[in-house]
Each structure stands twice: as C-alpha cells, then as structure tokens.
Amino acid sequence: MSTTLVDKVIEPLTDCLTPEVAERIVNLRLDSQTQAKLDELAEKGSAGQLDASERADYQELVEALDFMGLLKSKARILLAARGS
C-alpha cells in the first residue's frame, strides 16, 4: 500500500493516540443540530438549490467529515493492531 500525502499529514496525529483516545475518536458522532444542518444542505444540494453561502458551508462540512472519517479509520486500525 502506498503512502499518500494525506497519510503523511494524519500519521503523526495517529502516532499520538492512546487506545482510549482512539476509542473515543471511533465513537465520535455529529451532534443532532449539525447532522440536521448537513441533511438539509445535502437535500438542497441534490436539488440544485444551494446558494453560495450554503454551498460553502456544505463544502466545509464535507471536508471536515472526510478528515474525521480518515482519522476514525486510522484509529480503528490502531485499535485492531493493539487487539482492543
């Protein structure tokens, strides 16, 4: 498996994780208000009804969730390697 630039950015973060912190990261969920906003923006985006501000908000959320997903994946790998 080749190492990507994103891996090079995330790897130092995951190297700092304890099993307890990794477990907390794996269990992170959006709060209900943020999830509702994401759902609203996704629906409007699918219908082509986002204004410029909403499009920027949606893009920001998607990027944050992408990063969160990568970090969760690394945390799961760490936990699996440690047998947690």
C-alpha atoms as a PDB file:
ATOM      1  CA  MET A   1       0.000   0.000   0.000  1.00  0.00           C
ATOM      2  CA  SER A   2       1.470   3.366  -0.959  1.00  0.00           C
ATOM      3  CA  THR A   3       1.606   6.267   1.447  1.00  0.00           C
ATOM      4  CA  THR A   4      -0.341   9.316   0.308  1.00  0.00           C
ATOM      5  CA  LEU A   5       0.289  12.912   1.264  1.00  0.00           C
ATOM      6  CA  VAL A   6      -2.841  12.803   3.417  1.00  0.00           C
ATOM      7  CA  ASP A   7      -1.433   9.778   5.249  1.00  0.00           C
ATOM      8  CA  LYS A   8       1.741  11.747   5.894  1.00  0.00           C
ATOM      9  CA  VAL A   9      -0.330  14.515   7.475  1.00  0.00           C
ATOM     10  CA  ILE A  10      -2.528  12.200   9.558  1.00  0.00           C
ATOM     11  CA  GLU A  11       0.126   9.692  10.635  1.00  0.00           C
ATOM     12  CA  PRO A  12       1.762  11.970  13.254  1.00  0.00           C
ATOM     13  CA  LEU A  13      -1.681  12.503  14.796  1.00  0.00           C
ATOM     14  CA  THR A  14      -2.438   8.810  14.997  1.00  0.00           C
ATOM     15  CA  ASP A  15       1.007   8.104  16.423  1.00  0.00           C
ATOM     16  CA  CYS A  16      -0.053  10.199  19.437  1.00  0.00           C
ATOM     17  CA  LEU A  17      -3.245   8.238  20.096  1.00  0.00           C
ATOM     18  CA  THR A  18      -3.702   6.117  23.158  1.00  0.00           C
ATOM     19  CA  PRO A  19      -6.197   3.257  22.892  1.00  0.00           C
ATOM     20  CA  GLU A  20      -8.646   5.281  24.997  1.00  0.00           C
ATOM     21  CA  VAL A  21      -8.437   8.308  22.710  1.00  0.00           C
ATOM     22  CA  ALA A  22      -8.653   6.102  19.613  1.00  0.00           C
ATOM     23  CA  GLU A  23     -11.827   4.534  21.012  1.00  0.00           C
ATOM     24  CA  ARG A  24     -13.334   7.974  21.614  1.00  0.00           C
ATOM     25  CA  ILE A  25     -12.483   9.033  18.060  1.00  0.00           C
ATOM     26  CA  VAL A  26     -14.070   5.890  16.617  1.00  0.00           C
ATOM     27  CA  ASN A  27     -17.265   6.669  18.557  1.00  0.00           C
ATOM     28  CA  LEU A  28     -17.498  10.347  17.538  1.00  0.00           C
ATOM     29  CA  ARG A  29     -20.832  11.358  16.024  1.00  0.00           C
ATOM     30  CA  LEU A  30     -22.223  14.674  14.862  1.00  0.00           C
ATOM     31  CA  ASP A  31     -24.499  16.428  17.316  1.00  0.00           C
ATOM     32  CA  SER A  32     -28.154  16.448  16.266  1.00  0.00           C
ATOM     33  CA  GLN A  33     -28.130  20.118  15.215  1.00  0.00           C
ATOM     34  CA  THR A  34     -25.101  19.682  12.938  1.00  0.00           C
ATOM     35  CA  GLN A  35     -26.495  16.439  11.497  1.00  0.00           C
ATOM     36  CA  ALA A  36     -29.800  18.176  10.750  1.00  0.00           C
ATOM     37  CA  LYS A  37     -27.968  21.034   9.008  1.00  0.00           C
ATOM     38  CA  LEU A  38     -25.890  18.558   6.995  1.00  0.00           C
ATOM     39  CA  ASP A  39     -29.038  16.676   5.957  1.00  0.00           C
ATOM     40  CA  GLU A  40     -30.734  19.930   4.949  1.00  0.00           C
ATOM     41  CA  LEU A  41     -27.752  21.085   2.893  1.00  0.00           C
ATOM     42  CA  ALA A  42     -27.378  17.675   1.255  1.00  0.00           C
ATOM     43  CA  GLU A  43     -31.041  17.657   0.260  1.00  0.00           C
ATOM     44  CA  LYS A  44     -30.864  21.184  -1.128  1.00  0.00           C
ATOM     45  CA  GLY A  45     -27.616  20.336  -2.904  1.00  0.00           C
ATOM     46  CA  SER A  46     -29.163  17.287  -4.553  1.00  0.00           C
ATOM     47  CA  ALA A  47     -31.996  19.505  -5.772  1.00  0.00           C
ATOM     48  CA  GLY A  48     -29.541  22.137  -7.054  1.00  0.00           C
ATOM     49  CA  GLN A  49     -30.919  24.734  -4.638  1.00  0.00           C
ATOM     50  CA  LEU A  50     -27.858  25.765  -2.601  1.00  0.00           C
ATOM     51  CA  ASP A  51     -26.947  29.437  -2.599  1.00  0.00           C
ATOM     52  CA  ALA A  52     -23.251  30.427  -2.475  1.00  0.00           C
ATOM     53  CA  SER A  53     -23.149  30.642   1.323  1.00  0.00           C
ATOM     54  CA  GLU A  54     -24.855  27.288   1.762  1.00  0.00           C
ATOM     55  CA  ARG A  55     -22.553  25.699  -0.818  1.00  0.00           C
ATOM     56  CA  ALA A  56     -19.529  26.972   1.143  1.00  0.00           C
ATOM     57  CA  ASP A  57     -20.993  25.660   4.415  1.00  0.00           C
ATOM     58  CA  TYR A  58     -21.744  22.292   2.826  1.00  0.00           C
ATOM     59  CA  GLN A  59     -18.257  22.015   1.336  1.00  0.00           C
ATOM     60  CA  GLU A  60     -16.729  22.873   4.714  1.00  0.00           C
ATOM     61  CA  LEU A  61     -18.808  20.193   6.443  1.00  0.00           C
ATOM     62  CA  VAL A  62     -17.954  17.579   3.813  1.00  0.00           C
ATOM     63  CA  GLU A  63     -14.238  18.329   4.122  1.00  0.00           C
ATOM     64  CA  ALA A  64     -14.405  18.119   7.922  1.00  0.00           C
ATOM     65  CA  LEU A  65     -16.299  14.823   7.724  1.00  0.00           C
ATOM     66  CA  ASP A  66     -13.781  13.449   5.224  1.00  0.00           C
ATOM     67  CA  PHE A  67     -10.975  14.266   7.645  1.00  0.00           C
ATOM     68  CA  MET A  68     -12.952  12.810  10.542  1.00  0.00           C
ATOM     69  CA  GLY A  69     -13.526   9.646   8.529  1.00  0.00           C
ATOM     70  CA  LEU A  70      -9.828   9.273   7.779  1.00  0.00           C
ATOM     71  CA  LEU A  71      -8.929   9.817  11.419  1.00  0.00           C
ATOM     72  CA  LYS A  72     -11.564   7.285  12.511  1.00  0.00           C
ATOM     73  CA  SER A  73     -10.156   4.779  10.037  1.00  0.00           C
ATOM     74  CA  LYS A  74      -6.645   5.247  11.402  1.00  0.00           C
ATOM     75  CA  ALA A  75      -7.982   4.920  14.958  1.00  0.00           C
ATOM     76  CA  ARG A  76      -9.733   1.644  14.054  1.00  0.00           C
ATOM     77  CA  ILE A  77      -6.507   0.306  12.543  1.00  0.00           C
ATOM     78  CA  LEU A  78      -4.610   1.264  15.702  1.00  0.00           C
ATOM     79  CA  LEU A  79      -7.186  -0.456  17.908  1.00  0.00           C
ATOM     80  CA  ALA A  80      -7.161  -3.587  15.759  1.00  0.00           C
ATOM     81  CA  ALA A  81      -3.363  -3.724  15.843  1.00  0.00           C
ATOM     82  CA  ARG A  82      -3.415  -3.462  19.627  1.00  0.00           C
ATOM     83  CA  GLY A  83      -6.190  -6.009  19.957  1.00  0.00           C
ATOM     84  CA  SER A  84      -8.609  -3.547  21.574  1.00  0.00           C
END
